[in-house]
Amino acid sequence: MKNFFIAPSILSADCSKLGQDVADVLRAGGDIIHFDVMDNHYVPNLTFGPMVLKSLRKYGIQAPIDVHLMVNCVDNLIPLFAKAGADFITFHPESSKNIIGTLSLIKQCGCKAGLAINPNTSLNILSDFMDHLDIILLMSVMPGFSGQKFILPVLRKIDYVRKKINEVNAKILLEVDGGINVNNIANVACAGADIFVIGSCIFQSNNYKYTIDMIKKKLNALHKK
């Protein structure tokens, strides 16, 4: 039976009580915390740094934390996020002068390494790096802001990458980020995703547990088919 993982994105969380909000969403059934890092250069937004991640660990958050670097100069930040408590670190290939070197740096720092691919980026870029990846993150919205709608043609990209993973290294996790909700998660899962990054759908709901239960009900139904 295929394992699915729900990754609530703290980009949509309540920053005035971030530790409590993250703890609540994990108790409600979240599996992985997705930690969006934006520098107001690679994308037009500014979010969280290593100190925020460290504070979540200090608060008592023990779940895996998945750091998605939407920044320039990724190599400078990787050791800082790893030291702060990251488990996964993904970056966009456009942000590295030496992609294999950056992937190796992430692993040297003790984290799982991955590439994040924008909707308008060719998937051909993955071909040279499959042997170095633990995770592939496909963006299903343009990076930078929460609350966007899922870009439907990305479903074909998910299917393509799933087949490529199965051919080369089935241990690579396929993560999808952007616009996922109760109504479309089954389609994303059927296309081949393992990890579902979900922000607004969960954090803007009145009941995290009810929403996550509904999401997992959709995923569990796929196992019965």
N, C-alpha and C. Protein backbone atom coordinates (compact mmCIF):
# COMPACT_ATOMS: atom_id res chain seq x y z
N MET A 1 0.85 -1.20 0.00
CA MET A 1 0.00 0.00 0.00
C MET A 1 0.88 1.24 0.00
N LYS A 2 0.60 2.18 -0.88
CA LYS A 2 1.38 3.39 -1.01
C LYS A 2 1.16 4.31 0.19
N ASN A 3 2.24 4.90 0.69
CA ASN A 3 2.13 5.86 1.78
C ASN A 3 1.94 7.26 1.23
N PHE A 4 0.99 7.99 1.81
CA PHE A 4 0.77 9.38 1.48
C PHE A 4 1.09 10.23 2.71
N PHE A 5 1.62 11.42 2.47
CA PHE A 5 2.00 12.31 3.57
C PHE A 5 1.40 13.69 3.35
N ILE A 6 0.74 14.20 4.38
CA ILE A 6 0.17 15.54 4.35
C ILE A 6 1.18 16.51 4.96
N ALA A 7 1.50 17.56 4.22
CA ALA A 7 2.51 18.53 4.67
C ALA A 7 1.88 19.92 4.76
N PRO A 8 1.29 20.26 5.91
CA PRO A 8 0.75 21.61 6.07
C PRO A 8 1.83 22.67 5.90
N SER A 9 1.51 23.70 5.13
CA SER A 9 2.48 24.78 4.86
C SER A 9 2.24 25.93 5.82
N ILE A 10 3.27 26.28 6.59
CA ILE A 10 3.11 27.34 7.59
C ILE A 10 3.03 28.72 6.95
N LEU A 11 3.17 28.81 5.63
CA LEU A 11 2.96 30.09 4.97
C LEU A 11 1.54 30.60 5.22
N SER A 12 0.62 29.66 5.48
CA SER A 12 -0.78 30.03 5.71
C SER A 12 -1.15 30.00 7.20
N ALA A 13 -0.18 29.72 8.06
CA ALA A 13 -0.46 29.62 9.49
C ALA A 13 -0.58 31.00 10.13
N ASP A 14 -1.00 31.02 11.39
CA ASP A 14 -1.11 32.26 12.16
C ASP A 14 0.23 32.53 12.83
N CYS A 15 0.98 33.50 12.30
CA CYS A 15 2.33 33.76 12.79
C CYS A 15 2.34 34.35 14.20
N SER A 16 1.21 34.87 14.66
CA SER A 16 1.15 35.42 16.02
C SER A 16 1.19 34.31 17.08
N LYS A 17 0.91 33.08 16.65
CA LYS A 17 0.96 31.93 17.56
C LYS A 17 1.47 30.71 16.79
N LEU A 18 2.61 30.89 16.13
CA LEU A 18 3.07 29.89 15.18
C LEU A 18 3.33 28.54 15.82
N GLY A 19 4.01 28.53 16.95
CA GLY A 19 4.30 27.25 17.61
C GLY A 19 3.03 26.48 17.93
N GLN A 20 2.04 27.16 18.50
CA GLN A 20 0.77 26.51 18.84
C GLN A 20 0.03 26.06 17.60
N ASP A 21 0.04 26.89 16.54
CA ASP A 21 -0.66 26.53 15.32
C ASP A 21 -0.05 25.29 14.67
N VAL A 22 1.29 25.22 14.68
CA VAL A 22 1.97 24.05 14.11
C VAL A 22 1.68 22.81 14.95
N ALA A 23 1.73 22.95 16.27
CA ALA A 23 1.40 21.82 17.14
C ALA A 23 -0.02 21.34 16.91
N ASP A 24 -0.95 22.29 16.73
CA ASP A 24 -2.36 21.94 16.52
C ASP A 24 -2.55 21.17 15.21
N VAL A 25 -1.87 21.61 14.15
CA VAL A 25 -2.06 20.97 12.85
C VAL A 25 -1.43 19.58 12.82
N LEU A 26 -0.39 19.38 13.61
CA LEU A 26 0.20 18.04 13.72
C LEU A 26 -0.71 17.11 14.51
N ARG A 27 -1.28 17.62 15.60
CA ARG A 27 -2.23 16.80 16.38
C ARG A 27 -3.46 16.45 15.55
N ALA A 28 -3.78 17.31 14.60
CA ALA A 28 -4.95 17.08 13.75
C ALA A 28 -4.68 16.05 12.65
N GLY A 29 -3.42 15.65 12.52
CA GLY A 29 -3.11 14.61 11.53
C GLY A 29 -2.08 14.96 10.48
N GLY A 30 -1.50 16.16 10.54
CA GLY A 30 -0.42 16.50 9.62
C GLY A 30 0.79 15.61 9.85
N ASP A 31 1.51 15.33 8.79
CA ASP A 31 2.66 14.42 8.89
C ASP A 31 4.00 15.14 8.85
N ILE A 32 4.10 16.15 8.02
CA ILE A 32 5.35 16.88 7.78
C ILE A 32 5.01 18.37 7.78
N ILE A 33 5.89 19.19 8.34
CA ILE A 33 5.69 20.63 8.28
C ILE A 33 6.47 21.20 7.11
N HIS A 34 5.75 21.89 6.21
CA HIS A 34 6.38 22.51 5.05
C HIS A 34 6.73 23.95 5.41
N PHE A 35 8.00 24.30 5.24
CA PHE A 35 8.57 25.55 5.73
C PHE A 35 9.05 26.36 4.53
N ASP A 36 8.23 27.30 4.09
CA ASP A 36 8.54 28.10 2.90
C ASP A 36 9.47 29.26 3.23
N VAL A 37 10.60 29.30 2.56
CA VAL A 37 11.59 30.36 2.78
C VAL A 37 11.66 31.23 1.53
N MET A 38 11.34 32.51 1.68
CA MET A 38 11.35 33.46 0.55
C MET A 38 12.19 34.67 0.93
N ASP A 39 12.95 35.18 -0.04
CA ASP A 39 13.93 36.23 0.27
C ASP A 39 13.63 37.59 -0.38
N ASN A 40 12.45 37.72 -1.03
CA ASN A 40 12.09 38.96 -1.72
C ASN A 40 13.03 39.26 -2.89
N HIS A 41 13.72 38.24 -3.37
CA HIS A 41 14.56 38.37 -4.56
C HIS A 41 14.18 37.31 -5.59
N TYR A 42 14.29 36.05 -5.19
CA TYR A 42 13.88 34.98 -6.10
C TYR A 42 12.37 35.03 -6.34
N VAL A 43 11.63 35.34 -5.28
CA VAL A 43 10.19 35.57 -5.38
C VAL A 43 9.86 36.87 -4.65
N PRO A 44 8.76 37.53 -5.02
CA PRO A 44 8.43 38.82 -4.41
C PRO A 44 7.71 38.70 -3.08
N ASN A 45 8.33 38.02 -2.14
CA ASN A 45 7.75 37.89 -0.81
C ASN A 45 8.90 37.62 0.16
N LEU A 46 8.66 37.84 1.43
CA LEU A 46 9.68 37.66 2.46
C LEU A 46 9.04 36.90 3.61
N THR A 47 9.65 35.76 3.97
CA THR A 47 9.00 34.93 5.00
C THR A 47 9.94 34.57 6.14
N PHE A 48 10.29 33.29 6.27
CA PHE A 48 10.89 32.77 7.49
C PHE A 48 12.38 32.46 7.33
N GLY A 49 13.14 32.67 8.40
CA GLY A 49 14.55 32.34 8.40
C GLY A 49 14.86 31.21 9.37
N PRO A 50 16.14 30.85 9.50
CA PRO A 50 16.54 29.74 10.38
C PRO A 50 16.11 29.92 11.83
N MET A 51 16.07 31.17 12.31
CA MET A 51 15.70 31.40 13.71
C MET A 51 14.26 30.95 13.99
N VAL A 52 13.39 31.11 12.99
CA VAL A 52 12.00 30.69 13.17
C VAL A 52 11.94 29.16 13.25
N LEU A 53 12.68 28.49 12.40
CA LEU A 53 12.71 27.02 12.45
C LEU A 53 13.27 26.55 13.80
N LYS A 54 14.34 27.18 14.23
CA LYS A 54 14.94 26.81 15.52
C LYS A 54 13.94 27.01 16.65
N SER A 55 13.15 28.08 16.57
CA SER A 55 12.17 28.35 17.62
C SER A 55 11.07 27.30 17.64
N LEU A 56 10.71 26.75 16.46
CA LEU A 56 9.71 25.68 16.42
C LEU A 56 10.25 24.42 17.09
N ARG A 57 11.51 24.12 16.83
CA ARG A 57 12.13 22.96 17.50
C ARG A 57 12.18 23.19 19.01
N LYS A 58 12.52 24.41 19.41
CA LYS A 58 12.59 24.73 20.84
C LYS A 58 11.21 24.64 21.48
N TYR A 59 10.18 24.97 20.71
CA TYR A 59 8.81 24.90 21.21
C TYR A 59 8.39 23.46 21.46
N GLY A 60 9.06 22.52 20.77
CA GLY A 60 8.77 21.10 20.97
C GLY A 60 8.27 20.39 19.74
N ILE A 61 8.34 21.04 18.59
CA ILE A 61 7.90 20.41 17.35
C ILE A 61 8.93 19.35 16.94
N GLN A 62 8.50 18.10 16.88
CA GLN A 62 9.41 17.00 16.57
C GLN A 62 9.16 16.39 15.19
N ALA A 63 8.10 16.75 14.54
CA ALA A 63 7.79 16.20 13.22
C ALA A 63 8.85 16.63 12.21
N PRO A 64 8.99 15.87 11.11
CA PRO A 64 9.92 16.29 10.05
C PRO A 64 9.56 17.68 9.53
N ILE A 65 10.59 18.49 9.29
CA ILE A 65 10.39 19.82 8.73
C ILE A 65 11.05 19.87 7.36
N ASP A 66 10.25 20.25 6.40
CA ASP A 66 10.61 20.25 4.98
C ASP A 66 10.83 21.70 4.55
N VAL A 67 12.10 22.09 4.40
CA VAL A 67 12.45 23.47 4.07
C VAL A 67 12.52 23.64 2.56
N HIS A 68 11.70 24.54 2.04
CA HIS A 68 11.65 24.84 0.61
C HIS A 68 12.27 26.22 0.40
N LEU A 69 13.47 26.24 -0.17
CA LEU A 69 14.21 27.48 -0.36
C LEU A 69 13.82 28.14 -1.68
N MET A 70 13.08 29.23 -1.59
CA MET A 70 12.77 30.06 -2.75
C MET A 70 13.60 31.33 -2.63
N VAL A 71 14.91 31.14 -2.75
CA VAL A 71 15.87 32.22 -2.48
C VAL A 71 17.01 32.15 -3.48
N ASN A 72 17.75 33.25 -3.57
CA ASN A 72 19.03 33.24 -4.26
C ASN A 72 20.12 32.86 -3.25
N CYS A 73 21.27 32.48 -3.75
CA CYS A 73 22.42 32.15 -2.87
C CYS A 73 22.06 31.06 -1.86
N VAL A 74 21.56 29.94 -2.34
CA VAL A 74 21.09 28.88 -1.45
C VAL A 74 22.20 28.28 -0.59
N ASP A 75 23.41 28.20 -1.12
CA ASP A 75 24.49 27.53 -0.39
C ASP A 75 24.79 28.21 0.94
N ASN A 76 24.57 29.52 1.03
CA ASN A 76 24.84 30.23 2.27
C ASN A 76 23.85 29.86 3.37
N LEU A 77 22.63 29.51 2.96
CA LEU A 77 21.57 29.26 3.94
C LEU A 77 21.46 27.81 4.37
N ILE A 78 21.90 26.90 3.52
CA ILE A 78 21.71 25.47 3.80
C ILE A 78 22.28 25.04 5.15
N PRO A 79 23.53 25.36 5.48
CA PRO A 79 24.05 24.94 6.80
C PRO A 79 23.26 25.54 7.96
N LEU A 80 22.75 26.76 7.78
CA LEU A 80 22.01 27.42 8.85
C LEU A 80 20.68 26.71 9.11
N PHE A 81 19.98 26.34 8.05
CA PHE A 81 18.71 25.64 8.22
C PHE A 81 18.92 24.21 8.72
N ALA A 82 19.97 23.58 8.26
CA ALA A 82 20.26 22.23 8.75
C ALA A 82 20.55 22.27 10.26
N LYS A 83 21.34 23.23 10.68
CA LYS A 83 21.67 23.35 12.11
C LYS A 83 20.43 23.70 12.93
N ALA A 84 19.50 24.44 12.33
CA ALA A 84 18.29 24.84 13.04
C ALA A 84 17.30 23.70 13.21
N GLY A 85 17.47 22.62 12.40
CA GLY A 85 16.60 21.46 12.59
C GLY A 85 15.84 20.97 11.38
N ALA A 86 16.27 21.37 10.18
CA ALA A 86 15.60 20.90 8.97
C ALA A 86 15.85 19.41 8.74
N ASP A 87 14.89 18.73 8.13
CA ASP A 87 15.05 17.33 7.74
C ASP A 87 15.21 17.19 6.23
N PHE A 88 14.40 17.93 5.48
CA PHE A 88 14.48 17.98 4.02
C PHE A 88 14.82 19.42 3.63
N ILE A 89 15.64 19.57 2.60
CA ILE A 89 15.89 20.89 2.03
C ILE A 89 15.80 20.77 0.52
N THR A 90 14.87 21.55 -0.07
CA THR A 90 14.76 21.60 -1.52
C THR A 90 15.05 23.02 -1.99
N PHE A 91 15.57 23.12 -3.21
CA PHE A 91 15.89 24.43 -3.78
C PHE A 91 15.59 24.41 -5.27
N HIS A 92 15.48 25.57 -5.85
CA HIS A 92 15.21 25.70 -7.27
C HIS A 92 16.54 25.72 -8.03
N PRO A 93 16.64 24.94 -9.11
CA PRO A 93 17.92 24.82 -9.82
C PRO A 93 18.46 26.16 -10.31
N GLU A 94 17.58 27.11 -10.58
CA GLU A 94 18.03 28.43 -11.03
C GLU A 94 18.84 29.17 -9.97
N SER A 95 18.73 28.71 -8.71
CA SER A 95 19.36 29.41 -7.59
C SER A 95 20.75 28.89 -7.25
N SER A 96 21.22 27.91 -8.00
CA SER A 96 22.52 27.30 -7.70
C SER A 96 23.44 27.37 -8.91
N LYS A 97 24.69 27.72 -8.67
CA LYS A 97 25.69 27.72 -9.74
C LYS A 97 26.24 26.33 -9.98
N ASN A 98 26.06 25.43 -9.02
CA ASN A 98 26.56 24.06 -9.11
C ASN A 98 25.54 23.16 -8.42
N ILE A 99 24.59 22.65 -9.18
CA ILE A 99 23.46 21.93 -8.60
C ILE A 99 23.91 20.68 -7.85
N ILE A 100 24.81 19.91 -8.43
CA ILE A 100 25.29 18.71 -7.73
C ILE A 100 26.03 19.10 -6.46
N GLY A 101 26.78 20.19 -6.52
CA GLY A 101 27.49 20.66 -5.34
C GLY A 101 26.52 21.07 -4.23
N THR A 102 25.43 21.72 -4.61
CA THR A 102 24.44 22.14 -3.62
C THR A 102 23.72 20.94 -3.02
N LEU A 103 23.35 19.97 -3.87
CA LEU A 103 22.72 18.75 -3.36
C LEU A 103 23.65 18.02 -2.40
N SER A 104 24.93 17.97 -2.75
CA SER A 104 25.91 17.31 -1.88
C SER A 104 26.06 18.05 -0.55
N LEU A 105 26.02 19.38 -0.60
CA LEU A 105 26.12 20.18 0.62
C LEU A 105 24.96 19.87 1.56
N ILE A 106 23.76 19.77 1.00
CA ILE A 106 22.59 19.45 1.84
C ILE A 106 22.78 18.11 2.54
N LYS A 107 23.28 17.12 1.81
CA LYS A 107 23.47 15.80 2.40
C LYS A 107 24.60 15.80 3.42
N GLN A 108 25.65 16.57 3.15
CA GLN A 108 26.75 16.69 4.10
C GLN A 108 26.29 17.30 5.41
N CYS A 109 25.25 18.13 5.32
CA CYS A 109 24.70 18.77 6.51
C CYS A 109 23.69 17.87 7.23
N GLY A 110 23.48 16.66 6.71
CA GLY A 110 22.63 15.68 7.38
C GLY A 110 21.17 15.71 6.99
N CYS A 111 20.83 16.37 5.88
CA CYS A 111 19.43 16.47 5.45
C CYS A 111 19.20 15.72 4.14
N LYS A 112 17.95 15.39 3.87
CA LYS A 112 17.56 14.86 2.58
C LYS A 112 17.52 16.01 1.58
N ALA A 113 17.92 15.74 0.33
CA ALA A 113 18.09 16.80 -0.64
C ALA A 113 17.14 16.67 -1.81
N GLY A 114 16.67 17.83 -2.31
CA GLY A 114 15.76 17.78 -3.44
C GLY A 114 15.77 19.03 -4.29
N LEU A 115 15.18 18.90 -5.48
CA LEU A 115 15.00 20.02 -6.40
C LEU A 115 13.53 20.39 -6.47
N ALA A 116 13.28 21.70 -6.55
CA ALA A 116 11.93 22.23 -6.71
C ALA A 116 11.80 22.77 -8.13
N ILE A 117 10.74 22.37 -8.80
CA ILE A 117 10.57 22.70 -10.22
C ILE A 117 9.30 23.54 -10.40
N ASN A 118 9.47 24.72 -10.98
CA ASN A 118 8.35 25.61 -11.23
C ASN A 118 7.49 25.10 -12.40
N PRO A 119 6.23 25.54 -12.48
CA PRO A 119 5.36 25.08 -13.57
C PRO A 119 5.90 25.37 -14.96
N ASN A 120 6.68 26.45 -15.11
CA ASN A 120 7.21 26.82 -16.43
C ASN A 120 8.64 26.37 -16.66
N THR A 121 9.17 25.52 -15.77
CA THR A 121 10.53 24.99 -15.91
C THR A 121 10.47 23.61 -16.57
N SER A 122 11.33 23.38 -17.54
CA SER A 122 11.36 22.09 -18.24
C SER A 122 11.77 20.97 -17.28
N LEU A 123 11.09 19.85 -17.39
CA LEU A 123 11.44 18.69 -16.57
C LEU A 123 12.73 18.02 -17.02
N ASN A 124 13.23 18.40 -18.18
CA ASN A 124 14.47 17.81 -18.67
C ASN A 124 15.63 18.07 -17.72
N ILE A 125 15.51 19.13 -16.93
CA ILE A 125 16.60 19.47 -16.02
C ILE A 125 16.83 18.37 -14.98
N LEU A 126 15.81 17.55 -14.72
CA LEU A 126 15.95 16.50 -13.72
C LEU A 126 16.87 15.36 -14.16
N SER A 127 17.01 15.18 -15.45
CA SER A 127 17.69 13.98 -15.98
C SER A 127 19.10 13.80 -15.46
N ASP A 128 19.83 14.89 -15.28
CA ASP A 128 21.23 14.80 -14.86
C ASP A 128 21.41 14.62 -13.36
N PHE A 129 20.30 14.68 -12.60
CA PHE A 129 20.45 14.72 -11.15
C PHE A 129 19.68 13.64 -10.40
N MET A 130 19.02 12.75 -11.11
CA MET A 130 18.17 11.76 -10.45
C MET A 130 18.93 10.92 -9.42
N ASP A 131 20.18 10.62 -9.70
CA ASP A 131 20.98 9.80 -8.78
C ASP A 131 21.33 10.55 -7.50
N HIS A 132 21.10 11.84 -7.47
CA HIS A 132 21.50 12.66 -6.32
C HIS A 132 20.30 13.14 -5.49
N LEU A 133 19.09 12.73 -5.89
CA LEU A 133 17.89 13.28 -5.27
C LEU A 133 17.23 12.32 -4.29
N ASP A 134 16.74 12.88 -3.19
CA ASP A 134 15.88 12.15 -2.26
C ASP A 134 14.42 12.54 -2.45
N ILE A 135 14.22 13.73 -3.04
CA ILE A 135 12.87 14.26 -3.16
C ILE A 135 12.81 15.19 -4.37
N ILE A 136 11.69 15.19 -5.06
CA ILE A 136 11.42 16.14 -6.14
C ILE A 136 10.15 16.88 -5.77
N LEU A 137 10.22 18.21 -5.77
CA LEU A 137 9.08 19.05 -5.45
C LEU A 137 8.58 19.73 -6.73
N LEU A 138 7.38 19.39 -7.14
CA LEU A 138 6.76 20.02 -8.30
C LEU A 138 5.81 21.11 -7.82
N MET A 139 6.05 22.34 -8.28
CA MET A 139 5.15 23.43 -7.95
C MET A 139 3.93 23.36 -8.86
N SER A 140 2.75 23.43 -8.25
CA SER A 140 1.51 23.44 -9.02
C SER A 140 0.86 24.82 -9.01
N VAL A 141 1.61 25.81 -8.52
CA VAL A 141 1.31 27.24 -8.66
C VAL A 141 2.66 27.92 -8.88
N MET A 142 2.63 29.17 -9.28
CA MET A 142 3.88 29.93 -9.34
C MET A 142 4.31 30.27 -7.92
N PRO A 143 5.57 30.08 -7.57
CA PRO A 143 5.99 30.28 -6.19
C PRO A 143 5.90 31.73 -5.74
N GLY A 144 5.65 31.90 -4.44
CA GLY A 144 5.68 33.24 -3.88
C GLY A 144 4.53 33.59 -2.97
N PHE A 145 3.34 33.04 -3.23
CA PHE A 145 2.17 33.42 -2.43
C PHE A 145 1.25 32.23 -2.22
N SER A 146 0.60 32.22 -1.06
CA SER A 146 -0.37 31.17 -0.77
C SER A 146 -1.72 31.54 -1.37
N GLY A 147 -2.63 30.56 -1.42
CA GLY A 147 -3.99 30.81 -1.84
C GLY A 147 -4.23 30.79 -3.34
N GLN A 148 -3.25 30.35 -4.14
CA GLN A 148 -3.42 30.31 -5.58
C GLN A 148 -4.14 29.02 -6.01
N LYS A 149 -4.70 29.05 -7.22
CA LYS A 149 -5.39 27.88 -7.75
C LYS A 149 -4.40 26.91 -8.40
N PHE A 150 -4.69 25.64 -8.26
CA PHE A 150 -3.88 24.57 -8.85
C PHE A 150 -3.85 24.72 -10.37
N ILE A 151 -2.65 24.65 -10.95
CA ILE A 151 -2.49 24.72 -12.40
C ILE A 151 -2.69 23.32 -12.98
N LEU A 152 -3.81 23.09 -13.65
CA LEU A 152 -4.20 21.75 -14.07
C LEU A 152 -3.17 21.02 -14.94
N PRO A 153 -2.49 21.69 -15.89
CA PRO A 153 -1.51 20.96 -16.70
C PRO A 153 -0.38 20.33 -15.90
N VAL A 154 -0.20 20.75 -14.65
CA VAL A 154 0.85 20.15 -13.81
C VAL A 154 0.55 18.68 -13.54
N LEU A 155 -0.71 18.27 -13.63
CA LEU A 155 -1.04 16.85 -13.43
C LEU A 155 -0.26 15.96 -14.40
N ARG A 156 -0.10 16.42 -15.62
CA ARG A 156 0.67 15.65 -16.60
C ARG A 156 2.14 15.58 -16.20
N LYS A 157 2.64 16.66 -15.62
CA LYS A 157 4.03 16.68 -15.16
C LYS A 157 4.23 15.71 -14.00
N ILE A 158 3.25 15.65 -13.11
CA ILE A 158 3.34 14.72 -11.98
C ILE A 158 3.41 13.29 -12.50
N ASP A 159 2.55 12.98 -13.44
CA ASP A 159 2.53 11.64 -14.03
C ASP A 159 3.87 11.32 -14.69
N TYR A 160 4.42 12.27 -15.42
CA TYR A 160 5.71 12.06 -16.10
C TYR A 160 6.83 11.81 -15.09
N VAL A 161 6.88 12.63 -14.06
CA VAL A 161 7.96 12.49 -13.06
C VAL A 161 7.79 11.19 -12.28
N ARG A 162 6.55 10.81 -11.98
CA ARG A 162 6.32 9.54 -11.28
C ARG A 162 6.89 8.36 -12.07
N LYS A 163 6.65 8.36 -13.38
CA LYS A 163 7.17 7.29 -14.22
C LYS A 163 8.68 7.32 -14.28
N LYS A 164 9.25 8.52 -14.31
CA LYS A 164 10.70 8.66 -14.35
C LYS A 164 11.33 8.16 -13.05
N ILE A 165 10.69 8.48 -11.93
CA ILE A 165 11.17 8.00 -10.63
C ILE A 165 11.12 6.47 -10.59
N ASN A 166 10.03 5.89 -11.02
CA ASN A 166 9.89 4.44 -10.99
C ASN A 166 10.93 3.74 -11.86
N GLU A 167 11.33 4.40 -12.94
CA GLU A 167 12.34 3.82 -13.83
C GLU A 167 13.75 3.91 -13.25
N VAL A 168 14.01 4.97 -12.49
CA VAL A 168 15.39 5.26 -12.07
C VAL A 168 15.64 4.92 -10.60
N ASN A 169 14.78 5.43 -9.71
CA ASN A 169 14.99 5.23 -8.28
C ASN A 169 13.67 5.43 -7.55
N ALA A 170 13.00 4.33 -7.28
CA ALA A 170 11.66 4.39 -6.69
C ALA A 170 11.65 4.96 -5.28
N LYS A 171 12.81 5.14 -4.67
CA LYS A 171 12.87 5.68 -3.31
C LYS A 171 12.72 7.20 -3.28
N ILE A 172 12.86 7.86 -4.41
CA ILE A 172 12.68 9.31 -4.45
C ILE A 172 11.23 9.64 -4.17
N LEU A 173 11.01 10.58 -3.26
CA LEU A 173 9.67 11.03 -2.93
C LEU A 173 9.24 12.14 -3.89
N LEU A 174 7.99 12.10 -4.32
CA LEU A 174 7.45 13.12 -5.21
C LEU A 174 6.47 13.99 -4.42
N GLU A 175 6.82 15.24 -4.31
CA GLU A 175 6.05 16.22 -3.53
C GLU A 175 5.41 17.23 -4.48
N VAL A 176 4.17 17.62 -4.17
CA VAL A 176 3.47 18.61 -4.99
C VAL A 176 2.99 19.73 -4.08
N ASP A 177 3.18 20.97 -4.55
CA ASP A 177 2.93 22.14 -3.70
C ASP A 177 2.15 23.20 -4.46
N GLY A 178 0.94 23.50 -3.96
CA GLY A 178 0.21 24.64 -4.47
C GLY A 178 -1.21 24.34 -4.91
N GLY A 179 -2.19 24.94 -4.25
CA GLY A 179 -3.58 24.83 -4.68
C GLY A 179 -4.23 23.50 -4.44
N ILE A 180 -3.64 22.65 -3.59
CA ILE A 180 -4.24 21.33 -3.33
C ILE A 180 -5.32 21.47 -2.26
N ASN A 181 -6.44 20.81 -2.49
CA ASN A 181 -7.54 20.86 -1.54
C ASN A 181 -8.31 19.54 -1.56
N VAL A 182 -9.39 19.48 -0.80
CA VAL A 182 -10.18 18.24 -0.70
C VAL A 182 -10.72 17.81 -2.06
N ASN A 183 -11.03 18.77 -2.91
CA ASN A 183 -11.68 18.45 -4.18
C ASN A 183 -10.73 17.91 -5.24
N ASN A 184 -9.44 18.25 -5.15
CA ASN A 184 -8.52 17.82 -6.22
C ASN A 184 -7.41 16.88 -5.75
N ILE A 185 -7.35 16.59 -4.46
CA ILE A 185 -6.23 15.81 -3.96
C ILE A 185 -6.21 14.39 -4.54
N ALA A 186 -7.37 13.81 -4.81
CA ALA A 186 -7.40 12.47 -5.38
C ALA A 186 -6.75 12.46 -6.76
N ASN A 187 -6.98 13.49 -7.54
CA ASN A 187 -6.37 13.58 -8.87
C ASN A 187 -4.85 13.71 -8.77
N VAL A 188 -4.41 14.49 -7.79
CA VAL A 188 -2.96 14.67 -7.59
C VAL A 188 -2.33 13.35 -7.15
N ALA A 189 -3.03 12.63 -6.28
CA ALA A 189 -2.52 11.34 -5.82
C ALA A 189 -2.48 10.32 -6.96
N CYS A 190 -3.53 10.27 -7.75
CA CYS A 190 -3.58 9.32 -8.87
C CYS A 190 -2.50 9.61 -9.89
N ALA A 191 -2.11 10.87 -10.02
CA ALA A 191 -1.03 11.23 -10.95
C ALA A 191 0.32 10.75 -10.45
N GLY A 192 0.44 10.52 -9.11
CA GLY A 192 1.68 9.94 -8.62
C GLY A 192 2.36 10.60 -7.45
N ALA A 193 1.72 11.58 -6.82
CA ALA A 193 2.36 12.29 -5.71
C ALA A 193 2.42 11.43 -4.44
N ASP A 194 3.47 11.68 -3.65
CA ASP A 194 3.61 11.05 -2.33
C ASP A 194 3.30 12.04 -1.21
N ILE A 195 3.78 13.28 -1.37
CA ILE A 195 3.65 14.31 -0.34
C ILE A 195 2.81 15.45 -0.89
N PHE A 196 1.84 15.88 -0.12
CA PHE A 196 0.92 16.93 -0.55
C PHE A 196 1.09 18.15 0.36
N VAL A 197 1.64 19.21 -0.20
CA VAL A 197 1.78 20.46 0.56
C VAL A 197 0.46 21.20 0.49
N ILE A 198 -0.12 21.46 1.65
CA ILE A 198 -1.44 22.08 1.71
C ILE A 198 -1.40 23.21 2.74
N GLY A 199 -1.74 24.41 2.29
CA GLY A 199 -1.70 25.56 3.19
C GLY A 199 -3.07 26.11 3.51
N SER A 200 -3.61 26.91 2.60
CA SER A 200 -4.88 27.61 2.86
C SER A 200 -6.02 26.66 3.20
N CYS A 201 -6.11 25.56 2.49
CA CYS A 201 -7.21 24.62 2.70
C CYS A 201 -7.29 24.17 4.15
N ILE A 202 -6.14 23.98 4.79
CA ILE A 202 -6.11 23.54 6.18
C ILE A 202 -6.19 24.72 7.14
N PHE A 203 -5.25 25.66 7.01
CA PHE A 203 -5.11 26.70 8.01
C PHE A 203 -6.25 27.72 7.99
N GLN A 204 -6.96 27.83 6.88
CA GLN A 204 -8.10 28.74 6.84
C GLN A 204 -9.42 28.04 7.16
N SER A 205 -9.33 26.76 7.49
CA SER A 205 -10.55 26.04 7.88
C SER A 205 -10.82 26.28 9.37
N ASN A 206 -12.05 26.04 9.77
CA ASN A 206 -12.42 26.24 11.18
C ASN A 206 -12.03 25.07 12.06
N ASN A 207 -11.73 23.93 11.42
CA ASN A 207 -11.42 22.73 12.18
C ASN A 207 -10.34 21.95 11.44
N TYR A 208 -9.09 22.03 11.91
CA TYR A 208 -7.98 21.38 11.22
C TYR A 208 -8.20 19.88 11.11
N LYS A 209 -8.65 19.27 12.21
CA LYS A 209 -8.80 17.81 12.20
C LYS A 209 -9.86 17.37 11.20
N TYR A 210 -10.98 18.06 11.17
CA TYR A 210 -12.03 17.70 10.23
C TYR A 210 -11.51 17.80 8.80
N THR A 211 -10.78 18.88 8.50
CA THR A 211 -10.27 19.07 7.14
C THR A 211 -9.26 18.01 6.77
N ILE A 212 -8.32 17.73 7.66
CA ILE A 212 -7.31 16.71 7.37
C ILE A 212 -7.94 15.33 7.29
N ASP A 213 -8.93 15.07 8.14
CA ASP A 213 -9.65 13.78 8.06
C ASP A 213 -10.33 13.63 6.69
N MET A 214 -10.91 14.70 6.18
CA MET A 214 -11.57 14.66 4.88
C MET A 214 -10.54 14.40 3.77
N ILE A 215 -9.38 15.04 3.89
CA ILE A 215 -8.30 14.84 2.91
C ILE A 215 -7.83 13.38 2.93
N LYS A 216 -7.61 12.85 4.13
CA LYS A 216 -7.12 11.48 4.24
C LYS A 216 -8.20 10.47 3.83
N LYS A 217 -9.45 10.83 4.02
CA LYS A 217 -10.54 9.95 3.56
C LYS A 217 -10.49 9.81 2.04
N LYS A 218 -10.23 10.93 1.36
CA LYS A 218 -10.10 10.88 -0.11
C LYS A 218 -8.94 9.98 -0.53
N LEU A 219 -7.82 10.10 0.21
CA LEU A 219 -6.63 9.30 -0.13
C LEU A 219 -6.84 7.83 0.21
N ASN A 220 -7.46 7.56 1.34
CA ASN A 220 -7.71 6.17 1.73
C ASN A 220 -8.65 5.47 0.75
N ALA A 221 -9.56 6.23 0.17
CA ALA A 221 -10.49 5.64 -0.80
C ALA A 221 -9.76 5.11 -2.03
N LEU A 222 -8.61 5.70 -2.34
CA LEU A 222 -7.83 5.24 -3.49
C LEU A 222 -7.25 3.85 -3.24
N HIS A 223 -6.95 3.55 -1.99
CA HIS A 223 -6.41 2.24 -1.65
C HIS A 223 -7.44 1.12 -1.83
N LYS A 224 -8.71 1.50 -1.79
CA LYS A 224 -9.77 0.50 -1.88
C LYS A 224 -10.18 0.19 -3.31
N LYS A 225 -9.67 1.01 -4.24
CA LYS A 225 -10.05 0.79 -5.64
C LYS A 225 -9.24 -0.35 -6.26
